[in-house]
Amino acid sequence: MSDLSGYLPFSQRPRRDESKVSRDWRPLTGQTLANIVHLLEALEPESWHAPTLRADWTVRDVAGHLAWRLTVGRRELLRDRVVSAAGGDLSADLLDGRRSREAASQSIPTLLSTLRALADARLALVGRGGVRDLGDVVVCAFDLSKSLDRAVEVPPIASGAVALARQLIAPPGITAVLRGRTLIAMDAEWSVGRGPELLGSAQSIVLFLFGRAGLPPG
């Protein structure tokens, strides 16, 4: 899904001037990615090997994932999905892991340089502008924040857009929860789902929606 402007403003947000809402997610993608790079640049060498919320992935693997996913062409992504769906040797997740680890095998300075260039490009409105790329960056930002216990700033509208997009394509287990609960991001002024309210942070809700954490303990 590449355009969420029709779903803005998000529920639970106070009424305000929405005239500057854009269909182009590149500025938010670039801003959030730049915040990730700032965190990575300050890491001690051993922290690059720290585990993350994604099984068997280290911080370095997450950085490699972003370096690969934000540069790969749509045709290659589609080809991987088709091969996986057709019964290829590797599932989509395993293919993703292989490509991400290949990118992560670069030296750390090269990896940082790649991510910095990608952030600058998105801020300059170069490259893809869809919510899928924003989603990859936001989820990785929250994953790294949680795993390293160091905050990566994610703009509320970015986390809200990603949560809303995920709500529309979530797997059955998560969809079932969203049919019976309204998950409210107390720190970001958005909500998803319907039913009795369950309060949480934007980070906890997005990580739940993407299968990286359990339901926020409201």
N, C-alpha and C. Protein backbone atom coordinates (compact mmCIF):
# COMPACT_ATOMS: atom_id res chain seq x y z
N MET A 1 0.86 -1.19 0.00
CA MET A 1 0.00 0.00 0.00
C MET A 1 0.89 1.24 0.00
N SER A 2 0.66 2.16 -0.89
CA SER A 2 1.59 3.27 -1.04
C SER A 2 1.00 4.64 -0.70
N ASP A 3 -0.28 4.70 -0.38
CA ASP A 3 -0.89 6.01 -0.16
C ASP A 3 -1.89 5.94 0.98
N LEU A 4 -1.56 6.59 2.10
CA LEU A 4 -2.45 6.59 3.26
C LEU A 4 -3.09 7.94 3.49
N SER A 5 -2.90 8.88 2.57
CA SER A 5 -3.41 10.23 2.82
C SER A 5 -4.92 10.24 3.01
N GLY A 6 -5.60 9.30 2.35
CA GLY A 6 -7.05 9.26 2.48
C GLY A 6 -7.52 8.83 3.85
N TYR A 7 -6.61 8.26 4.66
CA TYR A 7 -6.97 7.79 5.99
C TYR A 7 -6.58 8.80 7.07
N LEU A 8 -5.96 9.90 6.67
CA LEU A 8 -5.58 10.93 7.63
C LEU A 8 -6.70 11.98 7.72
N PRO A 9 -6.91 12.68 8.84
CA PRO A 9 -6.14 12.54 10.05
C PRO A 9 -6.49 11.26 10.81
N PHE A 10 -5.56 10.78 11.65
CA PHE A 10 -5.78 9.57 12.41
C PHE A 10 -6.83 9.81 13.49
N SER A 11 -7.52 8.71 13.87
CA SER A 11 -8.46 8.85 14.98
C SER A 11 -7.70 9.22 16.24
N GLN A 12 -8.41 9.85 17.15
CA GLN A 12 -7.86 10.32 18.42
C GLN A 12 -6.98 11.54 18.28
N ARG A 13 -6.76 12.05 17.06
CA ARG A 13 -5.97 13.27 16.93
C ARG A 13 -6.88 14.48 17.02
N PRO A 14 -6.47 15.52 17.73
CA PRO A 14 -7.29 16.74 17.75
C PRO A 14 -7.37 17.36 16.38
N ARG A 15 -8.46 18.07 16.10
CA ARG A 15 -8.61 18.71 14.80
C ARG A 15 -7.54 19.79 14.63
N ARG A 16 -6.94 19.81 13.45
CA ARG A 16 -5.90 20.79 13.15
C ARG A 16 -5.82 20.97 11.64
N ASP A 17 -5.02 21.89 11.22
CA ASP A 17 -4.85 22.14 9.79
C ASP A 17 -4.11 20.98 9.15
N GLU A 18 -4.78 20.26 8.22
CA GLU A 18 -4.17 19.12 7.54
C GLU A 18 -3.76 19.47 6.12
N SER A 19 -3.68 20.74 5.80
CA SER A 19 -3.41 21.14 4.42
C SER A 19 -2.03 20.72 3.95
N LYS A 20 -1.12 20.47 4.90
CA LYS A 20 0.24 20.10 4.52
C LYS A 20 0.47 18.59 4.54
N VAL A 21 -0.59 17.80 4.81
CA VAL A 21 -0.45 16.35 4.76
C VAL A 21 -0.10 15.92 3.34
N SER A 22 0.90 15.10 3.19
CA SER A 22 1.40 14.72 1.88
C SER A 22 1.22 13.24 1.63
N ARG A 23 1.14 12.88 0.35
CA ARG A 23 1.12 11.48 -0.02
C ARG A 23 2.53 10.91 -0.12
N ASP A 24 3.52 11.72 0.06
CA ASP A 24 4.91 11.32 -0.10
C ASP A 24 5.51 11.09 1.29
N TRP A 25 5.90 9.84 1.57
CA TRP A 25 6.42 9.50 2.88
C TRP A 25 7.94 9.61 2.97
N ARG A 26 8.59 10.09 1.90
CA ARG A 26 10.05 10.16 1.92
C ARG A 26 10.62 11.05 3.01
N PRO A 27 10.08 12.25 3.27
CA PRO A 27 10.66 13.06 4.34
C PRO A 27 10.64 12.36 5.70
N LEU A 28 9.54 11.69 6.03
CA LEU A 28 9.46 10.99 7.31
C LEU A 28 10.37 9.77 7.32
N THR A 29 10.46 9.08 6.18
CA THR A 29 11.38 7.95 6.09
C THR A 29 12.81 8.42 6.30
N GLY A 30 13.19 9.50 5.61
CA GLY A 30 14.54 10.02 5.74
C GLY A 30 14.84 10.51 7.14
N GLN A 31 13.89 11.21 7.75
CA GLN A 31 14.10 11.73 9.10
C GLN A 31 14.30 10.61 10.11
N THR A 32 13.44 9.58 10.04
CA THR A 32 13.54 8.47 10.98
C THR A 32 14.82 7.67 10.75
N LEU A 33 15.17 7.47 9.47
CA LEU A 33 16.41 6.75 9.18
C LEU A 33 17.62 7.52 9.67
N ALA A 34 17.60 8.83 9.52
CA ALA A 34 18.71 9.66 10.03
C ALA A 34 18.84 9.51 11.54
N ASN A 35 17.72 9.38 12.24
CA ASN A 35 17.76 9.17 13.68
C ASN A 35 18.36 7.81 14.03
N ILE A 36 18.06 6.80 13.21
CA ILE A 36 18.68 5.48 13.40
C ILE A 36 20.19 5.57 13.21
N VAL A 37 20.61 6.24 12.15
CA VAL A 37 22.04 6.37 11.87
C VAL A 37 22.75 7.07 13.03
N HIS A 38 22.12 8.08 13.58
CA HIS A 38 22.70 8.79 14.72
C HIS A 38 22.94 7.84 15.89
N LEU A 39 21.97 6.95 16.14
CA LEU A 39 22.14 5.95 17.20
C LEU A 39 23.28 4.99 16.87
N LEU A 40 23.29 4.47 15.64
CA LEU A 40 24.30 3.48 15.26
C LEU A 40 25.71 4.06 15.32
N GLU A 41 25.84 5.30 14.95
CA GLU A 41 27.17 5.93 14.95
C GLU A 41 27.75 6.03 16.36
N ALA A 42 26.89 6.04 17.36
CA ALA A 42 27.35 6.19 18.74
C ALA A 42 27.55 4.85 19.45
N LEU A 43 27.30 3.73 18.76
CA LEU A 43 27.39 2.43 19.40
C LEU A 43 28.84 2.01 19.66
N GLU A 44 29.03 1.30 20.77
CA GLU A 44 30.29 0.64 21.01
C GLU A 44 30.37 -0.57 20.07
N PRO A 45 31.58 -1.00 19.68
CA PRO A 45 31.71 -2.11 18.72
C PRO A 45 30.93 -3.36 19.11
N GLU A 46 30.94 -3.69 20.42
CA GLU A 46 30.26 -4.92 20.84
C GLU A 46 28.75 -4.84 20.70
N SER A 47 28.20 -3.62 20.72
CA SER A 47 26.75 -3.47 20.63
C SER A 47 26.21 -3.85 19.26
N TRP A 48 27.05 -3.83 18.25
CA TRP A 48 26.62 -4.24 16.91
C TRP A 48 26.24 -5.72 16.86
N HIS A 49 26.73 -6.48 17.84
CA HIS A 49 26.43 -7.92 17.88
C HIS A 49 25.31 -8.24 18.86
N ALA A 50 24.70 -7.21 19.45
CA ALA A 50 23.62 -7.43 20.41
C ALA A 50 22.39 -8.02 19.71
N PRO A 51 21.65 -8.90 20.39
CA PRO A 51 20.43 -9.48 19.79
C PRO A 51 19.33 -8.44 19.71
N THR A 52 18.42 -8.65 18.76
CA THR A 52 17.26 -7.76 18.61
C THR A 52 15.99 -8.56 18.81
N LEU A 53 14.85 -7.92 18.60
CA LEU A 53 13.56 -8.59 18.81
C LEU A 53 13.23 -9.58 17.70
N ARG A 54 13.91 -9.48 16.56
CA ARG A 54 13.70 -10.43 15.48
C ARG A 54 14.62 -11.62 15.71
N ALA A 55 14.05 -12.81 15.76
CA ALA A 55 14.80 -14.01 16.13
C ALA A 55 16.07 -14.17 15.31
N ASP A 56 17.18 -14.37 16.00
CA ASP A 56 18.49 -14.65 15.40
C ASP A 56 19.08 -13.44 14.66
N TRP A 57 18.51 -12.27 14.82
CA TRP A 57 19.05 -11.08 14.17
C TRP A 57 19.78 -10.22 15.19
N THR A 58 20.96 -9.74 14.79
CA THR A 58 21.71 -8.80 15.61
C THR A 58 21.42 -7.37 15.15
N VAL A 59 21.96 -6.42 15.89
CA VAL A 59 21.84 -5.02 15.48
C VAL A 59 22.41 -4.83 14.08
N ARG A 60 23.53 -5.49 13.82
CA ARG A 60 24.16 -5.36 12.51
C ARG A 60 23.25 -5.92 11.41
N ASP A 61 22.55 -7.01 11.68
CA ASP A 61 21.62 -7.57 10.70
C ASP A 61 20.49 -6.60 10.39
N VAL A 62 20.00 -5.91 11.42
CA VAL A 62 18.93 -4.92 11.21
C VAL A 62 19.43 -3.79 10.32
N ALA A 63 20.65 -3.32 10.59
CA ALA A 63 21.23 -2.27 9.75
C ALA A 63 21.40 -2.77 8.32
N GLY A 64 21.83 -4.01 8.15
CA GLY A 64 21.96 -4.58 6.82
C GLY A 64 20.63 -4.70 6.12
N HIS A 65 19.60 -5.04 6.87
CA HIS A 65 18.25 -5.13 6.29
C HIS A 65 17.83 -3.80 5.69
N LEU A 66 18.05 -2.72 6.43
CA LEU A 66 17.68 -1.40 5.91
C LEU A 66 18.51 -1.03 4.70
N ALA A 67 19.80 -1.32 4.75
CA ALA A 67 20.68 -0.99 3.62
C ALA A 67 20.25 -1.73 2.37
N TRP A 68 19.80 -2.99 2.53
CA TRP A 68 19.35 -3.77 1.36
C TRP A 68 17.94 -3.35 0.95
N ARG A 69 17.02 -3.30 1.91
CA ARG A 69 15.61 -3.11 1.57
C ARG A 69 15.33 -1.75 0.95
N LEU A 70 16.07 -0.74 1.34
CA LEU A 70 15.82 0.60 0.82
C LEU A 70 16.54 0.88 -0.49
N THR A 71 17.34 -0.08 -0.95
CA THR A 71 18.03 0.10 -2.23
C THR A 71 17.55 -0.90 -3.29
N VAL A 72 16.99 -2.02 -2.85
CA VAL A 72 16.58 -3.06 -3.80
C VAL A 72 15.42 -2.55 -4.66
N GLY A 73 15.39 -2.97 -5.91
CA GLY A 73 14.30 -2.59 -6.81
C GLY A 73 13.04 -3.38 -6.55
N ARG A 74 11.92 -2.83 -6.96
CA ARG A 74 10.64 -3.49 -6.77
C ARG A 74 10.59 -4.84 -7.50
N ARG A 75 11.22 -4.91 -8.67
CA ARG A 75 11.18 -6.17 -9.43
C ARG A 75 11.86 -7.29 -8.67
N GLU A 76 12.99 -6.98 -8.03
CA GLU A 76 13.69 -8.02 -7.27
C GLU A 76 12.86 -8.47 -6.08
N LEU A 77 12.24 -7.51 -5.39
CA LEU A 77 11.38 -7.87 -4.26
C LEU A 77 10.23 -8.76 -4.72
N LEU A 78 9.60 -8.38 -5.83
CA LEU A 78 8.49 -9.16 -6.36
C LEU A 78 8.96 -10.54 -6.77
N ARG A 79 10.14 -10.62 -7.39
CA ARG A 79 10.65 -11.91 -7.82
C ARG A 79 10.87 -12.84 -6.63
N ASP A 80 11.42 -12.31 -5.54
CA ASP A 80 11.63 -13.12 -4.34
C ASP A 80 10.31 -13.64 -3.80
N ARG A 81 9.28 -12.77 -3.79
CA ARG A 81 7.98 -13.20 -3.27
C ARG A 81 7.37 -14.28 -4.15
N VAL A 82 7.51 -14.12 -5.47
CA VAL A 82 6.95 -15.10 -6.40
C VAL A 82 7.66 -16.44 -6.25
N VAL A 83 8.98 -16.41 -6.16
CA VAL A 83 9.76 -17.64 -6.00
C VAL A 83 9.37 -18.35 -4.71
N SER A 84 9.23 -17.58 -3.63
CA SER A 84 8.85 -18.16 -2.35
C SER A 84 7.45 -18.76 -2.41
N ALA A 85 6.50 -18.01 -2.99
CA ALA A 85 5.11 -18.49 -3.08
C ALA A 85 4.99 -19.72 -3.97
N ALA A 86 5.89 -19.84 -4.93
CA ALA A 86 5.84 -20.97 -5.86
C ALA A 86 6.52 -22.21 -5.29
N GLY A 87 6.96 -22.14 -4.04
CA GLY A 87 7.56 -23.31 -3.42
C GLY A 87 9.05 -23.39 -3.57
N GLY A 88 9.70 -22.24 -3.61
CA GLY A 88 11.15 -22.22 -3.70
C GLY A 88 11.79 -22.78 -2.45
N ASP A 89 13.11 -22.92 -2.47
CA ASP A 89 13.83 -23.51 -1.36
C ASP A 89 13.76 -22.66 -0.10
N LEU A 90 13.60 -21.36 -0.26
CA LEU A 90 13.60 -20.45 0.88
C LEU A 90 12.28 -19.70 0.98
N SER A 91 11.80 -19.54 2.21
CA SER A 91 10.60 -18.73 2.43
C SER A 91 10.96 -17.26 2.24
N ALA A 92 9.93 -16.41 2.20
CA ALA A 92 10.17 -14.98 2.05
C ALA A 92 11.02 -14.45 3.21
N ASP A 93 10.76 -14.94 4.43
CA ASP A 93 11.53 -14.49 5.59
C ASP A 93 12.99 -14.92 5.48
N LEU A 94 13.22 -16.15 5.02
CA LEU A 94 14.60 -16.62 4.89
C LEU A 94 15.33 -15.88 3.78
N LEU A 95 14.63 -15.59 2.69
CA LEU A 95 15.23 -14.79 1.62
C LEU A 95 15.59 -13.40 2.13
N ASP A 96 14.68 -12.83 2.91
CA ASP A 96 14.92 -11.52 3.51
C ASP A 96 16.16 -11.58 4.39
N GLY A 97 16.25 -12.63 5.23
CA GLY A 97 17.40 -12.77 6.10
C GLY A 97 18.69 -12.92 5.34
N ARG A 98 18.67 -13.68 4.26
CA ARG A 98 19.89 -13.88 3.46
C ARG A 98 20.35 -12.56 2.85
N ARG A 99 19.41 -11.83 2.22
CA ARG A 99 19.78 -10.55 1.59
C ARG A 99 20.28 -9.55 2.64
N SER A 100 19.62 -9.53 3.80
CA SER A 100 19.99 -8.58 4.85
C SER A 100 21.38 -8.88 5.39
N ARG A 101 21.68 -10.15 5.58
CA ARG A 101 23.01 -10.52 6.12
C ARG A 101 24.11 -10.29 5.09
N GLU A 102 23.77 -10.45 3.82
CA GLU A 102 24.75 -10.12 2.78
C GLU A 102 25.11 -8.63 2.85
N ALA A 103 24.08 -7.78 3.01
CA ALA A 103 24.33 -6.34 3.13
C ALA A 103 25.08 -6.02 4.42
N ALA A 104 24.77 -6.77 5.49
CA ALA A 104 25.40 -6.52 6.79
C ALA A 104 26.86 -6.93 6.81
N SER A 105 27.29 -7.72 5.82
CA SER A 105 28.68 -8.17 5.79
C SER A 105 29.65 -7.06 5.38
N GLN A 106 29.12 -5.92 4.91
CA GLN A 106 29.98 -4.79 4.62
C GLN A 106 30.64 -4.31 5.91
N SER A 107 31.72 -3.57 5.78
CA SER A 107 32.33 -2.98 6.96
C SER A 107 31.34 -2.02 7.60
N ILE A 108 31.47 -1.82 8.90
CA ILE A 108 30.56 -0.91 9.59
C ILE A 108 30.63 0.50 9.04
N PRO A 109 31.81 1.06 8.76
CA PRO A 109 31.83 2.40 8.16
C PRO A 109 31.09 2.46 6.82
N THR A 110 31.22 1.40 6.00
CA THR A 110 30.53 1.37 4.71
C THR A 110 29.02 1.27 4.92
N LEU A 111 28.63 0.46 5.88
CA LEU A 111 27.20 0.29 6.18
C LEU A 111 26.60 1.61 6.66
N LEU A 112 27.31 2.30 7.53
CA LEU A 112 26.83 3.58 8.02
C LEU A 112 26.75 4.60 6.89
N SER A 113 27.76 4.59 6.03
CA SER A 113 27.77 5.52 4.90
C SER A 113 26.58 5.26 3.97
N THR A 114 26.25 3.99 3.75
CA THR A 114 25.11 3.62 2.91
C THR A 114 23.81 4.13 3.52
N LEU A 115 23.63 3.90 4.81
CA LEU A 115 22.40 4.32 5.48
C LEU A 115 22.28 5.84 5.52
N ARG A 116 23.40 6.51 5.74
CA ARG A 116 23.39 7.97 5.77
C ARG A 116 22.99 8.53 4.40
N ALA A 117 23.53 7.91 3.34
CA ALA A 117 23.20 8.36 1.99
C ALA A 117 21.73 8.11 1.67
N LEU A 118 21.19 6.99 2.14
CA LEU A 118 19.78 6.69 1.92
C LEU A 118 18.89 7.69 2.65
N ALA A 119 19.28 8.06 3.88
CA ALA A 119 18.51 9.05 4.63
C ALA A 119 18.54 10.40 3.92
N ASP A 120 19.71 10.80 3.47
CA ASP A 120 19.83 12.09 2.76
C ASP A 120 19.01 12.09 1.48
N ALA A 121 19.02 10.96 0.77
CA ALA A 121 18.27 10.88 -0.49
C ALA A 121 16.78 11.03 -0.24
N ARG A 122 16.25 10.34 0.77
CA ARG A 122 14.82 10.44 1.05
C ARG A 122 14.45 11.86 1.48
N LEU A 123 15.31 12.49 2.27
CA LEU A 123 15.05 13.87 2.68
C LEU A 123 15.07 14.82 1.50
N ALA A 124 15.85 14.46 0.47
CA ALA A 124 15.91 15.27 -0.75
C ALA A 124 14.85 14.84 -1.76
N LEU A 125 13.92 13.96 -1.31
CA LEU A 125 12.82 13.46 -2.15
C LEU A 125 13.33 12.67 -3.34
N VAL A 126 14.36 11.87 -3.11
CA VAL A 126 14.89 10.97 -4.13
C VAL A 126 14.63 9.54 -3.67
N GLY A 127 14.18 8.69 -4.59
CA GLY A 127 13.90 7.30 -4.25
C GLY A 127 12.41 7.07 -4.02
N ARG A 128 12.07 5.86 -3.58
CA ARG A 128 10.67 5.51 -3.37
C ARG A 128 10.07 6.30 -2.21
N GLY A 129 8.77 6.55 -2.31
CA GLY A 129 8.10 7.34 -1.27
C GLY A 129 6.96 6.62 -0.60
N GLY A 130 6.90 5.28 -0.72
CA GLY A 130 5.76 4.53 -0.22
C GLY A 130 5.82 4.25 1.27
N VAL A 131 4.68 3.82 1.81
CA VAL A 131 4.58 3.55 3.23
C VAL A 131 5.27 2.24 3.60
N ARG A 132 5.52 1.34 2.64
CA ARG A 132 6.24 0.11 2.96
C ARG A 132 7.66 0.42 3.43
N ASP A 133 8.34 1.31 2.72
CA ASP A 133 9.69 1.69 3.14
C ASP A 133 9.65 2.39 4.50
N LEU A 134 8.68 3.28 4.67
CA LEU A 134 8.53 3.93 5.97
C LEU A 134 8.31 2.89 7.06
N GLY A 135 7.51 1.88 6.76
CA GLY A 135 7.25 0.82 7.74
C GLY A 135 8.51 0.08 8.13
N ASP A 136 9.34 -0.28 7.15
CA ASP A 136 10.60 -0.96 7.46
C ASP A 136 11.44 -0.12 8.41
N VAL A 137 11.53 1.17 8.13
CA VAL A 137 12.38 2.05 8.93
C VAL A 137 11.81 2.23 10.33
N VAL A 138 10.51 2.45 10.44
CA VAL A 138 9.88 2.66 11.75
C VAL A 138 10.00 1.41 12.62
N VAL A 139 9.71 0.25 12.05
CA VAL A 139 9.80 -0.99 12.84
C VAL A 139 11.24 -1.22 13.30
N CYS A 140 12.20 -1.00 12.43
CA CYS A 140 13.60 -1.17 12.82
C CYS A 140 14.00 -0.16 13.89
N ALA A 141 13.50 1.07 13.78
CA ALA A 141 13.80 2.08 14.79
C ALA A 141 13.29 1.66 16.16
N PHE A 142 12.06 1.17 16.21
CA PHE A 142 11.49 0.73 17.49
C PHE A 142 12.19 -0.53 18.00
N ASP A 143 12.54 -1.43 17.08
CA ASP A 143 13.25 -2.65 17.48
C ASP A 143 14.59 -2.30 18.11
N LEU A 144 15.35 -1.43 17.46
CA LEU A 144 16.65 -1.03 17.99
C LEU A 144 16.50 -0.28 19.32
N SER A 145 15.48 0.57 19.41
CA SER A 145 15.24 1.30 20.66
C SER A 145 15.02 0.33 21.82
N LYS A 146 14.17 -0.66 21.57
CA LYS A 146 13.85 -1.64 22.61
C LYS A 146 15.04 -2.53 22.92
N SER A 147 15.71 -3.00 21.89
CA SER A 147 16.81 -3.95 22.08
C SER A 147 18.02 -3.33 22.76
N LEU A 148 18.30 -2.07 22.42
CA LEU A 148 19.48 -1.40 22.95
C LEU A 148 19.16 -0.50 24.14
N ASP A 149 17.87 -0.35 24.44
CA ASP A 149 17.44 0.55 25.51
C ASP A 149 17.97 1.96 25.28
N ARG A 150 17.89 2.40 24.03
CA ARG A 150 18.29 3.75 23.66
C ARG A 150 17.24 4.28 22.68
N ALA A 151 16.66 5.39 23.00
CA ALA A 151 15.53 5.89 22.22
C ALA A 151 15.95 6.38 20.84
N VAL A 152 15.21 5.92 19.82
CA VAL A 152 15.30 6.48 18.47
C VAL A 152 14.01 7.25 18.24
N GLU A 153 14.10 8.52 17.98
CA GLU A 153 12.89 9.33 17.80
C GLU A 153 12.17 8.93 16.51
N VAL A 154 10.87 8.67 16.64
CA VAL A 154 10.01 8.36 15.51
C VAL A 154 8.86 9.36 15.53
N PRO A 155 8.69 10.18 14.50
CA PRO A 155 7.59 11.15 14.49
C PRO A 155 6.24 10.45 14.64
N PRO A 156 5.35 11.01 15.43
CA PRO A 156 4.04 10.37 15.65
C PRO A 156 3.29 10.06 14.36
N ILE A 157 3.34 10.96 13.38
CA ILE A 157 2.60 10.69 12.15
C ILE A 157 3.21 9.50 11.40
N ALA A 158 4.51 9.27 11.57
CA ALA A 158 5.16 8.12 10.93
C ALA A 158 4.70 6.82 11.58
N SER A 159 4.71 6.77 12.90
CA SER A 159 4.26 5.55 13.58
C SER A 159 2.78 5.30 13.32
N GLY A 160 1.98 6.38 13.26
CA GLY A 160 0.56 6.22 13.00
C GLY A 160 0.28 5.70 11.60
N ALA A 161 0.99 6.22 10.61
CA ALA A 161 0.80 5.76 9.23
C ALA A 161 1.16 4.29 9.11
N VAL A 162 2.25 3.90 9.74
CA VAL A 162 2.69 2.51 9.67
C VAL A 162 1.70 1.58 10.37
N ALA A 163 1.21 2.01 11.54
CA ALA A 163 0.23 1.19 12.26
C ALA A 163 -1.04 1.02 11.46
N LEU A 164 -1.51 2.10 10.85
CA LEU A 164 -2.75 2.04 10.07
C LEU A 164 -2.59 1.16 8.84
N ALA A 165 -1.44 1.27 8.17
CA ALA A 165 -1.18 0.42 7.01
C ALA A 165 -1.13 -1.04 7.42
N ARG A 166 -0.49 -1.32 8.53
CA ARG A 166 -0.38 -2.70 9.00
C ARG A 166 -1.74 -3.27 9.38
N GLN A 167 -2.59 -2.43 9.96
CA GLN A 167 -3.93 -2.88 10.33
C GLN A 167 -4.68 -3.44 9.12
N LEU A 168 -4.45 -2.87 7.96
CA LEU A 168 -5.19 -3.28 6.77
C LEU A 168 -4.69 -4.58 6.16
N ILE A 169 -3.46 -5.01 6.51
CA ILE A 169 -2.91 -6.22 5.90
C ILE A 169 -2.35 -7.18 6.96
N ALA A 170 -2.73 -7.00 8.21
CA ALA A 170 -2.18 -7.81 9.29
C ALA A 170 -2.60 -9.27 9.16
N PRO A 171 -1.78 -10.20 9.66
CA PRO A 171 -2.15 -11.62 9.66
C PRO A 171 -3.35 -11.86 10.58
N PRO A 172 -4.01 -13.02 10.43
CA PRO A 172 -5.28 -13.27 11.14
C PRO A 172 -5.22 -13.07 12.65
N GLY A 173 -4.16 -13.53 13.30
CA GLY A 173 -4.10 -13.40 14.76
C GLY A 173 -4.16 -11.96 15.22
N ILE A 174 -3.44 -11.09 14.53
CA ILE A 174 -3.43 -9.68 14.90
C ILE A 174 -4.74 -9.01 14.50
N THR A 175 -5.28 -9.39 13.34
CA THR A 175 -6.57 -8.85 12.92
C THR A 175 -7.65 -9.17 13.93
N ALA A 176 -7.61 -10.38 14.49
CA ALA A 176 -8.61 -10.78 15.49
C ALA A 176 -8.55 -9.87 16.71
N VAL A 177 -7.33 -9.52 17.14
CA VAL A 177 -7.19 -8.61 18.27
C VAL A 177 -7.77 -7.25 17.94
N LEU A 178 -7.49 -6.75 16.74
CA LEU A 178 -7.93 -5.41 16.35
C LEU A 178 -9.45 -5.33 16.16
N ARG A 179 -10.09 -6.48 15.96
CA ARG A 179 -11.55 -6.47 15.88
C ARG A 179 -12.20 -6.35 17.24
N GLY A 180 -11.43 -6.63 18.29
CA GLY A 180 -12.02 -6.60 19.63
C GLY A 180 -11.40 -5.60 20.57
N ARG A 181 -10.39 -4.85 20.10
CA ARG A 181 -9.71 -3.88 20.95
C ARG A 181 -9.38 -2.63 20.14
N THR A 182 -9.41 -1.49 20.80
CA THR A 182 -8.87 -0.26 20.23
C THR A 182 -7.53 0.00 20.91
N LEU A 183 -6.46 -0.08 20.16
CA LEU A 183 -5.14 0.15 20.71
C LEU A 183 -4.80 1.63 20.55
N ILE A 184 -4.63 2.31 21.66
CA ILE A 184 -4.41 3.75 21.65
C ILE A 184 -2.97 4.07 22.02
N ALA A 185 -2.29 4.77 21.11
CA ALA A 185 -0.92 5.20 21.36
C ALA A 185 -0.97 6.50 22.17
N MET A 186 -0.70 6.39 23.44
CA MET A 186 -0.85 7.55 24.33
C MET A 186 0.14 8.66 24.00
N ASP A 187 1.29 8.29 23.46
CA ASP A 187 2.34 9.27 23.20
C ASP A 187 2.35 9.76 21.76
N ALA A 188 1.36 9.35 20.96
CA ALA A 188 1.40 9.73 19.54
C ALA A 188 0.05 10.16 18.99
N GLU A 189 -1.02 10.14 19.79
CA GLU A 189 -2.32 10.66 19.39
C GLU A 189 -2.92 9.94 18.19
N TRP A 190 -2.79 8.60 18.13
CA TRP A 190 -3.47 7.83 17.12
C TRP A 190 -3.96 6.52 17.72
N SER A 191 -4.85 5.86 17.02
CA SER A 191 -5.35 4.58 17.49
C SER A 191 -5.67 3.68 16.30
N VAL A 192 -5.71 2.38 16.55
CA VAL A 192 -6.12 1.40 15.55
C VAL A 192 -7.03 0.38 16.22
N GLY A 193 -7.88 -0.26 15.42
CA GLY A 193 -8.78 -1.27 15.95
C GLY A 193 -10.09 -0.68 16.41
N ARG A 194 -10.91 -1.54 17.02
CA ARG A 194 -12.18 -1.08 17.56
C ARG A 194 -12.55 -1.99 18.73
N GLY A 195 -13.31 -1.42 19.63
CA GLY A 195 -13.70 -2.16 20.83
C GLY A 195 -13.15 -1.48 22.07
N PRO A 196 -13.13 -2.20 23.20
CA PRO A 196 -12.62 -1.62 24.44
C PRO A 196 -11.20 -1.10 24.26
N GLU A 197 -10.92 0.02 24.93
CA GLU A 197 -9.63 0.67 24.74
C GLU A 197 -8.52 -0.03 25.51
N LEU A 198 -7.35 -0.12 24.87
CA LEU A 198 -6.15 -0.64 25.49
C LEU A 198 -5.05 0.37 25.22
N LEU A 199 -4.47 0.92 26.27
CA LEU A 199 -3.48 1.98 26.14
C LEU A 199 -2.08 1.42 26.06
N GLY A 200 -1.24 2.08 25.29
CA GLY A 200 0.16 1.68 25.17
C GLY A 200 0.95 2.78 24.50
N SER A 201 2.22 2.56 24.34
CA SER A 201 3.05 3.50 23.60
C SER A 201 2.98 3.17 22.12
N ALA A 202 3.35 4.14 21.28
CA ALA A 202 3.42 3.88 19.83
C ALA A 202 4.38 2.72 19.57
N GLN A 203 5.50 2.71 20.29
CA GLN A 203 6.49 1.64 20.10
C GLN A 203 5.90 0.28 20.41
N SER A 204 5.22 0.15 21.54
CA SER A 204 4.69 -1.16 21.93
C SER A 204 3.61 -1.64 20.96
N ILE A 205 2.79 -0.72 20.47
CA ILE A 205 1.71 -1.12 19.56
C ILE A 205 2.27 -1.53 18.20
N VAL A 206 3.19 -0.74 17.65
CA VAL A 206 3.77 -1.08 16.35
C VAL A 206 4.53 -2.41 16.42
N LEU A 207 5.30 -2.62 17.48
CA LEU A 207 6.03 -3.88 17.61
C LEU A 207 5.07 -5.06 17.72
N PHE A 208 3.93 -4.88 18.39
CA PHE A 208 2.92 -5.94 18.44
C PHE A 208 2.34 -6.21 17.05
N LEU A 209 1.98 -5.15 16.34
CA LEU A 209 1.37 -5.31 15.02
C LEU A 209 2.27 -6.03 14.05
N PHE A 210 3.58 -5.92 14.23
CA PHE A 210 4.53 -6.57 13.33
C PHE A 210 5.13 -7.84 13.93
N GLY A 211 4.53 -8.33 15.00
CA GLY A 211 4.94 -9.61 15.55
C GLY A 211 6.27 -9.61 16.29
N ARG A 212 6.73 -8.43 16.70
CA ARG A 212 8.00 -8.36 17.43
C ARG A 212 7.82 -8.37 18.94
N ALA A 213 6.60 -8.21 19.42
CA ALA A 213 6.33 -8.18 20.85
C ALA A 213 4.88 -8.58 21.09
N GLY A 214 4.57 -8.87 22.35
CA GLY A 214 3.21 -9.24 22.69
C GLY A 214 2.29 -8.04 22.78
N LEU A 215 1.03 -8.31 23.08
CA LEU A 215 0.03 -7.26 23.20
C LEU A 215 0.43 -6.31 24.33
N PRO A 216 0.36 -5.00 24.10
CA PRO A 216 0.72 -4.05 25.17
C PRO A 216 -0.10 -4.34 26.43
N PRO A 217 0.56 -4.37 27.59
CA PRO A 217 -0.14 -4.70 28.83
C PRO A 217 -0.95 -3.53 29.36
N GLY A 218 -2.11 -3.31 28.79
CA GLY A 218 -2.93 -2.18 29.19
C GLY A 218 -3.60 -2.40 30.52
